[in-house]
PDB file of N, CA and C in Angstrom:
ATOM      1  N   UNK A   1     105.758 100.860  68.163  1.00  0.00           N
ATOM      2  CA  UNK A   1     105.739 100.731  69.320  1.00  0.00           C
ATOM      3  C   UNK A   1     105.563 101.182  70.741  1.00  0.00           C
ATOM      4  N   UNK A   2     104.290 101.127  71.531  1.00  0.00           N
ATOM      5  CA  UNK A   2     104.463 101.829  72.641  1.00  0.00           C
ATOM      6  C   UNK A   2     104.589 100.939  73.833  1.00  0.00           C
ATOM      7  N   UNK A   3     104.640 101.813  74.933  1.00  0.00           N
ATOM      8  CA  UNK A   3     105.037 101.077  76.379  1.00  0.00           C
ATOM      9  C   UNK A   3     104.083  99.751  76.671  1.00  0.00           C
ATOM     10  N   UNK A   4     102.871 100.238  76.594  1.00  0.00           N
ATOM     11  CA  UNK A   4     102.182  98.964  76.642  1.00  0.00           C
ATOM     12  C   UNK A   4     102.120  97.846  75.959  1.00  0.00           C
ATOM     13  N   UNK A   5     103.002  97.985  74.759  1.00  0.00           N
ATOM     14  CA  UNK A   5     102.736  96.748  74.066  1.00  0.00           C
ATOM     15  C   UNK A   5     104.586  96.180  74.412  1.00  0.00           C
ATOM     16  N   UNK A   6     105.176  96.973  74.877  1.00  0.00           N
ATOM     17  CA  UNK A   6     106.372  96.401  75.793  1.00  0.00           C
ATOM     18  C   UNK A   6     106.128  95.548  76.827  1.00  0.00           C
ATOM     19  N   UNK A   7     105.333  96.199  77.816  1.00  0.00           N
ATOM     20  CA  UNK A   7     105.087  95.367  78.854  1.00  0.00           C
ATOM     21  C   UNK A   7     103.680  94.178  78.757  1.00  0.00           C
ATOM     22  N   UNK A   8     103.117  94.249  77.472  1.00  0.00           N
ATOM     23  CA  UNK A   8     101.967  93.495  77.116  1.00  0.00           C
ATOM     24  C   UNK A   8     102.601  91.755  77.507  1.00  0.00           C
ATOM     25  N   UNK A   9     103.598  91.332  76.816  1.00  0.00           N
ATOM     26  CA  UNK A   9     103.995  89.909  77.094  1.00  0.00           C
ATOM     27  C   UNK A   9     104.330  89.382  78.663  1.00  0.00           C
ATOM     28  N   UNK A  10     104.809  90.287  79.328  1.00  0.00           N
ATOM     29  CA  UNK A  10     104.997  90.183  80.803  1.00  0.00           C
ATOM     30  C   UNK A  10     103.687  89.966  81.507  1.00  0.00           C
ATOM     31  N   UNK A  11     102.907  91.169  81.471  1.00  0.00           N
ATOM     32  CA  UNK A  11     101.404  90.959  82.123  1.00  0.00           C
ATOM     33  C   UNK A  11     100.205  89.865  81.514  1.00  0.00           C
ATOM     34  N   UNK A  12     100.561  89.661  80.309  1.00  0.00           N
ATOM     35  CA  UNK A  12      99.564  88.039  79.720  1.00  0.00           C
ATOM     36  C   UNK A  12     100.361  87.149  80.336  1.00  0.00           C
ATOM     37  N   UNK A  13     101.868  86.985  80.528  1.00  0.00           N
ATOM     38  CA  UNK A  13     102.372  85.535  81.276  1.00  0.00           C
ATOM     39  C   UNK A  13     101.786  85.816  82.598  1.00  0.00           C
ATOM     40  N   UNK A  14     101.847  86.709  82.997  1.00  0.00           N
ATOM     41  CA  UNK A  14     101.158  86.518  84.996  1.00  0.00           C
ATOM     42  C   UNK A  14      99.765  86.644  84.595  1.00  0.00           C
ATOM     43  N   UNK A  15      98.940  87.106  83.634  1.00  0.00           N
ATOM     44  CA  UNK A  15      97.527  87.272  83.506  1.00  0.00           C
ATOM     45  C   UNK A  15      96.912  85.683  83.532  1.00  0.00           C
ATOM     46  N   UNK A  16      97.985  84.875  83.421  1.00  0.00           N
ATOM     47  CA  UNK A  16      97.347  83.377  83.575  1.00  0.00           C
ATOM     48  C   UNK A  16      97.197  82.824  85.099  1.00  0.00           C
ATOM     49  N   UNK A  17      97.448  83.815  85.773  1.00  0.00           N
ATOM     50  CA  UNK A  17      97.618  83.265  87.338  1.00  0.00           C
ATOM     51  C   UNK A  17      96.431  83.682  87.820  1.00  0.00           C
ATOM     52  N   UNK A  18      95.931  83.598  88.928  1.00  0.00           N
ATOM     53  CA  UNK A  18      94.773  84.224  89.833  1.00  0.00           C
ATOM     54  C   UNK A  18      95.090  85.041  89.647  1.00  0.00           C
ATOM     55  N   UNK A  19      94.063  86.008  90.007  1.00  0.00           N
ATOM     56  CA  UNK A  19      93.711  87.422  90.317  1.00  0.00           C
ATOM     57  C   UNK A  19      94.551  88.187  91.228  1.00  0.00           C
ATOM     58  N   UNK A  20      94.333  87.206  92.576  1.00  0.00           N
ATOM     59  CA  UNK A  20      95.169  87.745  93.637  1.00  0.00           C
ATOM     60  C   UNK A  20      96.795  87.993  93.651  1.00  0.00           C
ATOM     61  N   UNK A  21      97.176  86.595  92.945  1.00  0.00           N
ATOM     62  CA  UNK A  21      98.704  86.472  92.782  1.00  0.00           C
ATOM     63  C   UNK A  21      99.147  87.793  91.656  1.00  0.00           C
ATOM     64  N   UNK A  22      98.194  88.033  90.451  1.00  0.00           N
ATOM     65  CA  UNK A  22      98.630  88.844  89.925  1.00  0.00           C
ATOM     66  C   UNK A  22      98.581  90.296  90.200  1.00  0.00           C
ATOM     67  N   UNK A  23      97.558  90.464  91.321  1.00  0.00           N
ATOM     68  CA  UNK A  23      97.486  91.883  91.985  1.00  0.00           C
ATOM     69  C   UNK A  23      98.876  91.808  92.677  1.00  0.00           C
ATOM     70  N   UNK A  24      99.587  90.643  93.391  1.00  0.00           N
ATOM     71  CA  UNK A  24     100.732  90.315  94.250  1.00  0.00           C
ATOM     72  C   UNK A  24     101.811  91.086  93.599  1.00  0.00           C
ATOM     73  N   UNK A  25     102.080  90.057  92.336  1.00  0.00           N
ATOM     74  CA  UNK A  25     103.029  90.786  91.611  1.00  0.00           C
ATOM     75  C   UNK A  25     102.856  92.174  90.730  1.00  0.00           C
ATOM     76  N   UNK A  26     101.887  92.733  90.836  1.00  0.00           N
ATOM     77  CA  UNK A  26     101.872  94.256  89.957  1.00  0.00           C
ATOM     78  C   UNK A  26     102.192  94.951  91.430  1.00  0.00           C
ATOM     79  N   UNK A  27     101.503  94.523  92.887  1.00  0.00           N
ATOM     80  CA  UNK A  27     102.728  95.299  93.544  1.00  0.00           C
ATOM     81  C   UNK A  27     104.034  95.245  93.824  1.00  0.00           C
ATOM     82  N   UNK A  28     104.616  94.016  93.571  1.00  0.00           N
ATOM     83  CA  UNK A  28     106.017  93.799  93.712  1.00  0.00           C
ATOM     84  C   UNK A  28     106.613  94.802  92.907  1.00  0.00           C
ATOM     85  N   UNK A  29     106.075  95.022  91.778  1.00  0.00           N
ATOM     86  CA  UNK A  29     106.447  95.583  90.226  1.00  0.00           C
ATOM     87  C   UNK A  29     107.010  96.803  91.013  1.00  0.00           C
ATOM     88  N   UNK A  30     105.482  97.481  91.097  1.00  0.00           N
ATOM     89  CA  UNK A  30     105.273  99.053  91.612  1.00  0.00           C
ATOM     90  C   UNK A  30     106.339  99.051  92.841  1.00  0.00           C
ATOM     91  N   UNK A  31     106.689  98.432  93.719  1.00  0.00           N
ATOM     92  CA  UNK A  31     107.369  98.449  95.026  1.00  0.00           C
ATOM     93  C   UNK A  31     108.620  98.353  94.642  1.00  0.00           C
ATOM     94  N   UNK A  32     109.248  97.579  93.816  1.00  0.00           N
ATOM     95  CA  UNK A  32     110.413  97.625  93.205  1.00  0.00           C
ATOM     96  C   UNK A  32     110.932  99.133  92.382  1.00  0.00           C
ATOM     97  N   UNK A  33     110.140  99.231  91.538  1.00  0.00           N
ATOM     98  CA  UNK A  33     110.504 100.382  90.740  1.00  0.00           C
ATOM     99  C   UNK A  33     110.442 101.800  91.679  1.00  0.00           C
ATOM    100  N   UNK A  34     109.476 101.523  92.531  1.00  0.00           N
ATOM    101  CA  UNK A  34     109.464 103.041  93.300  1.00  0.00           C
ATOM    102  C   UNK A  34     110.852 103.196  94.221  1.00  0.00           C
ATOM    103  N   UNK A  35     111.602 102.312  94.402  1.00  0.00           N
ATOM    104  CA  UNK A  35     112.772 102.480  95.084  1.00  0.00           C
ATOM    105  C   UNK A  35     114.064 103.199  94.098  1.00  0.00           C
ATOM    106  N   UNK A  36     113.571 103.291  92.935  1.00  0.00           N
ATOM    107  CA  UNK A  36     114.434 104.059  92.114  1.00  0.00           C
ATOM    108  C   UNK A  36     114.029 104.818  91.013  1.00  0.00           C
ATOM    109  N   UNK A  37     112.853 105.444  91.305  1.00  0.00           N
ATOM    110  CA  UNK A  37     111.991 106.224  90.482  1.00  0.00           C
ATOM    111  C   UNK A  37     111.265 106.827  91.334  1.00  0.00           C
ATOM    112  N   UNK A  38     110.837 108.225  90.639  1.00  0.00           N
ATOM    113  CA  UNK A  38     109.904 109.280  91.557  1.00  0.00           C
ATOM    114  C   UNK A  38     108.675 108.335  91.237  1.00  0.00           C
ATOM    115  N   UNK A  39     107.912 108.656  92.682  1.00  0.00           N
ATOM    116  CA  UNK A  39     106.307 107.975  92.944  1.00  0.00           C
ATOM    117  C   UNK A  39     105.678 108.246  91.548  1.00  0.00           C
ATOM    118  N   UNK A  40     105.521 109.575  91.556  1.00  0.00           N
ATOM    119  CA  UNK A  40     104.572 110.663  90.724  1.00  0.00           C
ATOM    120  C   UNK A  40     105.075 110.112  89.405  1.00  0.00           C
ATOM    121  N   UNK A  41     106.245 109.738  88.799  1.00  0.00           N
ATOM    122  CA  UNK A  41     106.541 109.872  87.695  1.00  0.00           C
ATOM    123  C   UNK A  41     106.157 108.219  87.064  1.00  0.00           C
ATOM    124  N   UNK A  42     106.659 107.310  87.969  1.00  0.00           N
ATOM    125  CA  UNK A  42     106.358 105.685  88.042  1.00  0.00           C
ATOM    126  C   UNK A  42     104.828 105.927  87.780  1.00  0.00           C
ATOM    127  N   UNK A  43     104.030 106.114  88.601  1.00  0.00           N
ATOM    128  CA  UNK A  43     102.579 105.666  88.291  1.00  0.00           C
ATOM    129  C   UNK A  43     102.239 106.734  87.327  1.00  0.00           C
ATOM    130  N   UNK A  44     102.491 107.918  86.726  1.00  0.00           N
ATOM    131  CA  UNK A  44     101.799 108.249  85.626  1.00  0.00           C
ATOM    132  C   UNK A  44     101.997 107.403  84.362  1.00  0.00           C
ATOM    133  N   UNK A  45     103.480 107.023  84.222  1.00  0.00           N
ATOM    134  CA  UNK A  45     103.976 106.101  83.199  1.00  0.00           C
ATOM    135  C   UNK A  45     103.539 104.700  83.373  1.00  0.00           C
ATOM    136  N   UNK A  46     103.486 104.137  84.351  1.00  0.00           N
ATOM    137  CA  UNK A  46     103.065 102.752  84.804  1.00  0.00           C
ATOM    138  C   UNK A  46     101.258 102.328  84.560  1.00  0.00           C
ATOM    139  N   UNK A  47     100.569 103.321  84.836  1.00  0.00           N
ATOM    140  CA  UNK A  47      99.135 102.872  84.670  1.00  0.00           C
ATOM    141  C   UNK A  47      98.656 103.074  83.391  1.00  0.00           C
ATOM    142  N   UNK A  48      99.258 103.977  82.268  1.00  0.00           N
ATOM    143  CA  UNK A  48      98.804 103.533  80.942  1.00  0.00           C
ATOM    144  C   UNK A  48      99.572 102.500  80.399  1.00  0.00           C
ATOM    145  N   UNK A  49     100.531 102.338  80.939  1.00  0.00           N
ATOM    146  CA  UNK A  49     101.023 100.629  80.644  1.00  0.00           C
ATOM    147  C   UNK A  49     100.183  99.628  80.879  1.00  0.00           C
ATOM    148  N   UNK A  50      99.994  99.671  82.144  1.00  0.00           N
ATOM    149  CA  UNK A  50      99.054  98.563  82.839  1.00  0.00           C
ATOM    150  C   UNK A  50      97.766  98.374  81.789  1.00  0.00           C
ATOM    151  N   UNK A  51      96.803  99.498  81.889  1.00  0.00           N
ATOM    152  CA  UNK A  51      96.168  99.841  81.276  1.00  0.00           C
ATOM    153  C   UNK A  51      95.920  99.067  79.681  1.00  0.00           C
ATOM    154  N   UNK A  52      97.111  99.511  78.840  1.00  0.00           N
ATOM    155  CA  UNK A  52      97.374  99.527  77.445  1.00  0.00           C
ATOM    156  C   UNK A  52      97.602  97.650  77.336  1.00  0.00           C
ATOM    157  N   UNK A  53      97.894  96.919  78.058  1.00  0.00           N
ATOM    158  CA  UNK A  53      98.859  95.784  78.541  1.00  0.00           C
ATOM    159  C   UNK A  53      97.703  94.843  78.482  1.00  0.00           C
ATOM    160  N   UNK A  54      96.882  95.142  79.462  1.00  0.00           N
ATOM    161  CA  UNK A  54      96.009  94.261  80.291  1.00  0.00           C
ATOM    162  C   UNK A  54      94.275  94.381  79.717  1.00  0.00           C
ATOM    163  N   UNK A  55      94.251  94.942  78.678  1.00  0.00           N
ATOM    164  CA  UNK A  55      93.052  95.148  78.004  1.00  0.00           C
ATOM    165  C   UNK A  55      92.624  93.865  77.346  1.00  0.00           C
ATOM    166  N   UNK A  56      93.010  93.015  77.157  1.00  0.00           N
ATOM    167  CA  UNK A  56      92.809  91.776  76.363  1.00  0.00           C
ATOM    168  C   UNK A  56      92.276  90.875  77.195  1.00  0.00           C
ATOM    169  N   UNK A  57      92.821  90.825  78.566  1.00  0.00           N
ATOM    170  CA  UNK A  57      92.769  89.453  79.460  1.00  0.00           C
ATOM    171  C   UNK A  57      91.904  90.287  80.591  1.00  0.00           C
ATOM    172  N   UNK A  58      91.665  90.950  80.849  1.00  0.00           N
ATOM    173  CA  UNK A  58      91.102  91.543  82.079  1.00  0.00           C
ATOM    174  C   UNK A  58      89.888  92.739  81.508  1.00  0.00           C
ATOM    175  N   UNK A  59      88.974  92.577  82.109  1.00  0.00           N
ATOM    176  CA  UNK A  59      87.747  93.398  81.866  1.00  0.00           C
ATOM    177  C   UNK A  59      88.064  95.324  82.516  1.00  0.00           C
ATOM    178  N   UNK A  60      87.200  95.772  82.176  1.00  0.00           N
ATOM    179  CA  UNK A  60      87.189  97.378  82.844  1.00  0.00           C
ATOM    180  C   UNK A  60      87.494  97.592  84.288  1.00  0.00           C
ATOM    181  N   UNK A  61      86.478  96.978  84.751  1.00  0.00           N
ATOM    182  CA  UNK A  61      86.254  96.962  86.094  1.00  0.00           C
ATOM    183  C   UNK A  61      87.605  96.458  87.139  1.00  0.00           C
ATOM    184  N   UNK A  62      88.051  95.052  86.213  1.00  0.00           N
ATOM    185  CA  UNK A  62      89.099  94.729  87.040  1.00  0.00           C
ATOM    186  C   UNK A  62      90.500  95.551  86.792  1.00  0.00           C
ATOM    187  N   UNK A  63      90.814  96.168  85.238  1.00  0.00           N
ATOM    188  CA  UNK A  63      91.596  97.065  85.236  1.00  0.00           C
ATOM    189  C   UNK A  63      91.657  97.987  86.211  1.00  0.00           C
ATOM    190  N   UNK A  64      90.385  98.378  86.368  1.00  0.00           N
ATOM    191  CA  UNK A  64      90.335  99.854  87.757  1.00  0.00           C
ATOM    192  C   UNK A  64      91.065  99.541  88.703  1.00  0.00           C
ATOM    193  N   UNK A  65      90.638  98.222  89.017  1.00  0.00           N
ATOM    194  CA  UNK A  65      91.170  98.052  90.625  1.00  0.00           C
ATOM    195  C   UNK A  65      92.342  97.317  90.599  1.00  0.00           C
ATOM    196  N   UNK A  66      92.951  97.149  89.401  1.00  0.00           N
ATOM    197  CA  UNK A  66      94.280  96.732  89.690  1.00  0.00           C
ATOM    198  C   UNK A  66      95.114  98.108  89.440  1.00  0.00           C
ATOM    199  N   UNK A  67      94.795  98.788  88.628  1.00  0.00           N
ATOM    200  CA  UNK A  67      95.355 100.488  88.622  1.00  0.00           C
ATOM    201  C   UNK A  67      95.261 101.151  89.925  1.00  0.00           C
ATOM    202  N   UNK A  68      94.222 100.976  90.590  1.00  0.00           N
ATOM    203  CA  UNK A  68      93.920 101.806  92.077  1.00  0.00           C
ATOM    204  C   UNK A  68      94.729 100.675  92.793  1.00  0.00           C
ATOM    205  N   UNK A  69      95.156  99.361  92.912  1.00  0.00           N
ATOM    206  CA  UNK A  69      95.959  99.019  93.918  1.00  0.00           C
ATOM    207  C   UNK A  69      97.367  99.416  93.653  1.00  0.00           C
ATOM    208  N   UNK A  70      97.610  99.412  92.525  1.00  0.00           N
ATOM    209  CA  UNK A  70      99.013  99.943  91.993  1.00  0.00           C
ATOM    210  C   UNK A  70      99.246 101.085  92.313  1.00  0.00           C
ATOM    211  N   UNK A  71      98.298 102.031  92.081  1.00  0.00           N
ATOM    212  CA  UNK A  71      98.881 103.438  92.449  1.00  0.00           C
ATOM    213  C   UNK A  71      98.756 103.673  94.101  1.00  0.00           C
ATOM    214  N   UNK A  72      97.381 102.568  95.130  1.00  0.00           N
ATOM    215  CA  UNK A  72      98.293 102.929  96.471  1.00  0.00           C
ATOM    216  C   UNK A  72      99.465 102.387  97.212  1.00  0.00           C
ATOM    217  N   UNK A  73      99.658 101.514  96.145  1.00  0.00           N
ATOM    218  CA  UNK A  73     101.048 100.460  96.554  1.00  0.00           C
ATOM    219  C   UNK A  73     102.360 101.292  96.490  1.00  0.00           C
ATOM    220  N   UNK A  74     102.380 102.238  95.671  1.00  0.00           N
ATOM    221  CA  UNK A  74     103.312 103.155  94.969  1.00  0.00           C
ATOM    222  C   UNK A  74     104.048 104.196  96.747  1.00  0.00           C
ATOM    223  N   UNK A  75     102.945 104.323  97.990  1.00  0.00           N
ATOM    224  CA  UNK A  75     103.313 104.851  99.054  1.00  0.00           C
ATOM    225  C   UNK A  75     103.655 103.773  99.782  1.00  0.00           C
ATOM    226  N   UNK A  76     103.870 102.795  99.608  1.00  0.00           N
ATOM    227  CA  UNK A  76     104.312 101.367 100.527  1.00  0.00           C
ATOM    228  C   UNK A  76     106.170 101.192 100.285  1.00  0.00           C
ATOM    229  N   UNK A  77     106.942 102.480 100.003  1.00  0.00           N
ATOM    230  CA  UNK A  77     108.193 102.295  99.636  1.00  0.00           C
ATOM    231  C   UNK A  77     108.807 102.570 101.183  1.00  0.00           C
ATOM    232  N   UNK A  78     109.104 101.813 101.709  1.00  0.00           N
ATOM    233  CA  UNK A  78     109.923 101.843 102.732  1.00  0.00           C
ATOM    234  C   UNK A  78     111.063 101.706 103.118  1.00  0.00           C
ATOM    235  N   UNK A  79     111.658 100.888 102.060  1.00  0.00           N
ATOM    236  CA  UNK A  79     113.165 100.225 102.514  1.00  0.00           C
ATOM    237  C   UNK A  79     114.233 100.945 102.404  1.00  0.00           C
ATOM    238  N   UNK A  80     114.267 101.918 101.341  1.00  0.00           N
ATOM    239  CA  UNK A  80     115.869 102.782 101.184  1.00  0.00           C
ATOM    240  C   UNK A  80     115.374 104.228 101.241  1.00  0.00           C
ATOM    241  N   UNK A  81     116.418 105.009 102.034  1.00  0.00           N
ATOM    242  CA  UNK A  81     116.392 106.401 101.940  1.00  0.00           C
ATOM    243  C   UNK A  81     115.852 107.214 100.936  1.00  0.00           C
ATOM    244  N   UNK A  82     116.217 106.743  99.996  1.00  0.00           N
ATOM    245  CA  UNK A  82     115.794 107.815  98.377  1.00  0.00           C
ATOM    246  C   UNK A  82     114.291 107.572  98.297  1.00  0.00           C
ATOM    247  N   UNK A  83     113.668 106.152  98.638  1.00  0.00           N
ATOM    248  CA  UNK A  83     112.280 105.973  98.248  1.00  0.00           C
ATOM    249  C   UNK A  83     111.460 107.165  98.398  1.00  0.00           C
ATOM    250  N   UNK A  84     111.008 107.632  99.640  1.00  0.00           N
ATOM    251  CA  UNK A  84     110.550 108.876 100.039  1.00  0.00           C
ATOM    252  C   UNK A  84     111.464 110.195 100.722  1.00  0.00           C
ATOM    253  N   UNK A  85     110.798 111.108 100.460  1.00  0.00           N
ATOM    254  CA  UNK A  85     111.366 112.086 101.050  1.00  0.00           C
ATOM    255  C   UNK A  85     111.015 112.073 102.771  1.00  0.00           C
ATOM    256  N   UNK A  86     110.339 111.558 103.517  1.00  0.00           N
ATOM    257  CA  UNK A  86     110.305 110.933 105.030  1.00  0.00           C
ATOM    258  C   UNK A  86     111.453 110.418 104.970  1.00  0.00           C
ATOM    259  N   UNK A  87     111.730 108.948 104.315  1.00  0.00           N
ATOM    260  CA  UNK A  87     112.709 108.328 104.320  1.00  0.00           C
ATOM    261  C   UNK A  87     113.937 108.801 104.546  1.00  0.00           C
ATOM    262  N   UNK A  88     114.257 109.757 103.716  1.00  0.00           N
ATOM    263  CA  UNK A  88     115.469 110.645 103.430  1.00  0.00           C
ATOM    264  C   UNK A  88     115.472 111.362 104.763  1.00  0.00           C
ATOM    265  N   UNK A  89     114.791 112.183 105.136  1.00  0.00           N
ATOM    266  CA  UNK A  89     114.875 113.177 106.302  1.00  0.00           C
ATOM    267  C   UNK A  89     115.303 112.269 107.799  1.00  0.00           C
ATOM    268  N   UNK A  90     114.295 110.947 107.957  1.00  0.00           N
ATOM    269  CA  UNK A  90     114.827 110.020 108.882  1.00  0.00           C
ATOM    270  C   UNK A  90     116.197 109.555 108.731  1.00  0.00           C
ATOM    271  N   UNK A  91     116.771 108.806 107.474  1.00  0.00           N
ATOM    272  CA  UNK A  91     118.122 108.652 107.608  1.00  0.00           C
ATOM    273  C   UNK A  91     119.030 109.500 107.694  1.00  0.00           C
ATOM    274  N   UNK A  92     118.487 110.929 107.318  1.00  0.00           N
ATOM    275  CA  UNK A  92     119.617 111.858 107.597  1.00  0.00           C
ATOM    276  C   UNK A  92     119.864 112.155 109.194  1.00  0.00           C
ATOM    277  N   UNK A  93     119.151 112.038 109.870  1.00  0.00           N
ATOM    278  CA  UNK A  93     119.165 112.564 111.279  1.00  0.00           C
ATOM    279  C   UNK A  93     120.299 111.523 111.936  1.00  0.00           C
ATOM    280  N   UNK A  94     120.576 110.404 111.036  1.00  0.00           N
ATOM    281  CA  UNK A  94     121.924 109.454 111.581  1.00  0.00           C
ATOM    282  C   UNK A  94     121.363 108.507 112.622  1.00  0.00           C
ATOM    283  N   UNK A  95     119.690 108.132 112.937  1.00  0.00           N
ATOM    284  CA  UNK A  95     119.551 107.659 113.901  1.00  0.00           C
ATOM    285  C   UNK A  95     118.948 106.093 113.310  1.00  0.00           C
ATOM    286  N   UNK A  96     118.790 106.254 112.247  1.00  0.00           N
ATOM    287  CA  UNK A  96     118.312 104.603 111.702  1.00  0.00           C
ATOM    288  C   UNK A  96     119.554 104.278 110.408  1.00  0.00           C
ATOM    289  N   UNK A  97     120.017 102.893 110.762  1.00  0.00           N
ATOM    290  CA  UNK A  97     120.977 102.661 109.719  1.00  0.00           C
ATOM    291  C   UNK A  97     120.027 101.958 108.370  1.00  0.00           C
ATOM    292  N   UNK A  98     120.578 101.527 107.169  1.00  0.00           N
ATOM    293  CA  UNK A  98     120.016 101.053 106.413  1.00  0.00           C
ATOM    294  C   UNK A  98     119.453  99.726 106.349  1.00  0.00           C
ATOM    295  N   UNK A  99     120.198  98.887 107.094  1.00  0.00           N
ATOM    296  CA  UNK A  99     119.899  97.728 107.246  1.00  0.00           C
ATOM    297  C   UNK A  99     118.692  97.541 107.676  1.00  0.00           C
ATOM    298  N   UNK A 100     118.194  98.670 109.010  1.00  0.00           N
ATOM    299  CA  UNK A 100     117.342  98.631 109.945  1.00  0.00           C
ATOM    300  C   UNK A 100     115.917  98.912 108.873  1.00  0.00           C
ATOM    301  N   UNK A 101     116.327  99.809 108.387  1.00  0.00           N
ATOM    302  CA  UNK A 101     115.365 100.570 107.386  1.00  0.00           C
ATOM    303  C   UNK A 101     114.550  99.529 106.214  1.00  0.00           C
ATOM    304  N   UNK A 102     115.744  98.993 105.712  1.00  0.00           N
ATOM    305  CA  UNK A 102     115.730  97.673 104.682  1.00  0.00           C
ATOM    306  C   UNK A 102     114.678  96.425 105.744  1.00  0.00           C
ATOM    307  N   UNK A 103     114.998  96.203 106.519  1.00  0.00           N
ATOM    308  CA  UNK A 103     114.370  94.965 107.278  1.00  0.00           C
ATOM    309  C   UNK A 103     113.018  95.545 107.600  1.00  0.00           C
ATOM    310  N   UNK A 104     112.853  96.618 108.413  1.00  0.00           N
ATOM    311  CA  UNK A 104     111.369  96.690 109.001  1.00  0.00           C
ATOM    312  C   UNK A 104     110.840  97.424 107.707  1.00  0.00           C
ATOM    313  N   UNK A 105     111.415  98.057 106.903  1.00  0.00           N
ATOM    314  CA  UNK A 105     110.356  98.358 105.570  1.00  0.00           C
ATOM    315  C   UNK A 105     110.088  97.519 105.031  1.00  0.00           C
ATOM    316  N   UNK A 106     110.615  95.975 104.681  1.00  0.00           N
ATOM    317  CA  UNK A 106     110.002  95.258 103.772  1.00  0.00           C
ATOM    318  C   UNK A 106     109.211  94.829 104.541  1.00  0.00           C
ATOM    319  N   UNK A 107     109.082  94.679 106.117  1.00  0.00           N
ATOM    320  CA  UNK A 107     107.885  93.956 106.335  1.00  0.00           C
ATOM    321  C   UNK A 107     106.989  94.662 106.562  1.00  0.00           C
ATOM    322  N   UNK A 108     106.780  96.127 106.365  1.00  0.00           N
ATOM    323  CA  UNK A 108     105.731  97.124 106.735  1.00  0.00           C
ATOM    324  C   UNK A 108     105.058  97.298 105.029  1.00  0.00           C
ATOM    325  N   UNK A 109     106.503  97.049 104.212  1.00  0.00           N
ATOM    326  CA  UNK A 109     105.349  96.982 102.699  1.00  0.00           C
ATOM    327  C   UNK A 109     104.880  95.503 102.563  1.00  0.00           C
ATOM    328  N   UNK A 110     105.515  94.722 102.428  1.00  0.00           N
ATOM    329  CA  UNK A 110     104.308  93.433 102.365  1.00  0.00           C
ATOM    330  C   UNK A 110     103.021  93.566 103.180  1.00  0.00           C
ATOM    331  N   UNK A 111     103.007  93.929 104.659  1.00  0.00           N
ATOM    332  CA  UNK A 111     101.992  94.098 105.206  1.00  0.00           C
ATOM    333  C   UNK A 111     100.930  94.949 104.635  1.00  0.00           C
ATOM    334  N   UNK A 112     101.343  96.053 104.113  1.00  0.00           N
ATOM    335  CA  UNK A 112     100.713  97.361 103.306  1.00  0.00           C
ATOM    336  C   UNK A 112     100.016  96.550 102.207  1.00  0.00           C
ATOM    337  N   UNK A 113     101.002  95.673 101.551  1.00  0.00           N
ATOM    338  CA  UNK A 113     100.186  95.005  99.948  1.00  0.00           C
ATOM    339  C   UNK A 113      99.771  93.938  99.955  1.00  0.00           C
ATOM    340  N   UNK A 114      99.749  93.227 100.928  1.00  0.00           N
ATOM    341  CA  UNK A 114      98.714  92.026 101.522  1.00  0.00           C
ATOM    342  C   UNK A 114      97.295  92.650 102.299  1.00  0.00           C
ATOM    343  N   UNK A 115      97.374  93.818 103.043  1.00  0.00           N
ATOM    344  CA  UNK A 115      96.491  94.427 103.306  1.00  0.00           C
ATOM    345  C   UNK A 115      95.648  95.054 102.201  1.00  0.00           C
ATOM    346  N   UNK A 116      96.332  95.714 101.644  1.00  0.00           N
ATOM    347  CA  UNK A 116      95.520  96.671 100.479  1.00  0.00           C
ATOM    348  C   UNK A 116      94.981  95.680  99.257  1.00  0.00           C
ATOM    349  N   UNK A 117      95.411  94.630  98.939  1.00  0.00           N
ATOM    350  CA  UNK A 117      94.954  93.632  98.334  1.00  0.00           C
ATOM    351  C   UNK A 117      93.362  92.793  98.906  1.00  0.00           C
ATOM    352  N   UNK A 118      93.923  92.788  99.643  1.00  0.00           N
ATOM    353  CA  UNK A 118      92.479  92.117 100.476  1.00  0.00           C
ATOM    354  C   UNK A 118      91.387  92.805 101.123  1.00  0.00           C
ATOM    355  N   UNK A 119      91.625  93.882 101.054  1.00  0.00           N
ATOM    356  CA  UNK A 119      90.478  95.135 101.238  1.00  0.00           C
ATOM    357  C   UNK A 119      90.003  95.429  99.990  1.00  0.00           C
ATOM    358  N   UNK A 120      90.737  95.642  98.822  1.00  0.00           N
ATOM    359  CA  UNK A 120      90.331  95.796  97.523  1.00  0.00           C
ATOM    360  C   UNK A 120      89.708  94.639  96.737  1.00  0.00           C
ATOM    361  N   UNK A 121      90.052  93.685  97.286  1.00  0.00           N
ATOM    362  CA  UNK A 121      88.885  92.408  96.631  1.00  0.00           C
ATOM    363  C   UNK A 121      87.562  92.381  97.403  1.00  0.00           C
ATOM    364  N   UNK A 122      87.892  92.741  98.508  1.00  0.00           N
ATOM    365  CA  UNK A 122      86.500  92.186  99.380  1.00  0.00           C
ATOM    366  C   UNK A 122      85.800  93.780  99.562  1.00  0.00           C
ATOM    367  N   UNK A 123      86.135  94.950  99.204  1.00  0.00           N
ATOM    368  CA  UNK A 123      85.416  95.994  99.106  1.00  0.00           C
ATOM    369  C   UNK A 123      85.285  96.579  98.130  1.00  0.00           C
ATOM    370  N   UNK A 124      86.538  97.262  97.478  1.00  0.00           N
ATOM    371  CA  UNK A 124      86.367  98.060  95.812  1.00  0.00           C
ATOM    372  C   UNK A 124      85.530  97.254  94.631  1.00  0.00           C
ATOM    373  N   UNK A 125      86.267  95.940  94.647  1.00  0.00           N
ATOM    374  CA  UNK A 125      85.424  95.322  93.701  1.00  0.00           C
ATOM    375  C   UNK A 125      84.423  95.607  93.447  1.00  0.00           C
ATOM    376  N   UNK A 126      83.530  95.485  94.606  1.00  0.00           N
ATOM    377  CA  UNK A 126      81.951  95.845  93.928  1.00  0.00           C
ATOM    378  C   UNK A 126      81.099  96.919  94.017  1.00  0.00           C
ATOM    379  N   UNK A 127      82.575  98.105  93.662  1.00  0.00           N
ATOM    380  CA  UNK A 127      81.814  99.318  93.379  1.00  0.00           C
ATOM    381  C   UNK A 127      82.382  99.570  91.963  1.00  0.00           C
ATOM    382  N   UNK A 128      83.284  98.866  91.355  1.00  0.00           N
ATOM    383  CA  UNK A 128      83.579  99.040  89.685  1.00  0.00           C
ATOM    384  C   UNK A 128      82.612  98.032  89.042  1.00  0.00           C
TER     385      UNK A 128
END
């Protein structure tokens, strides 16, 4: 059993949803995981899992779009000091509290996810 087989039931369950909702769920998964795991390591592991577990219900162009959007969403982790090095630097200076980072980071992350999904579905979809 590989990692793609472990994620397969989860992605198949969400695969019955409309593609926009599926993309939003994948982006939320990536966003939640990147708060606790290194972004580079997360996307290296998760891309292969997404590809292996969605090949039964998504065609290759749509798989590529999901993986591209998930890769970009890794950079939208603005909620905690440990999420990215710039967050840690800003927090270490003492001018920002964790609650403020979480509140504004959540708004920025959600706005980024919505914008990248809309842009991906309107623009990148035609290049795959």
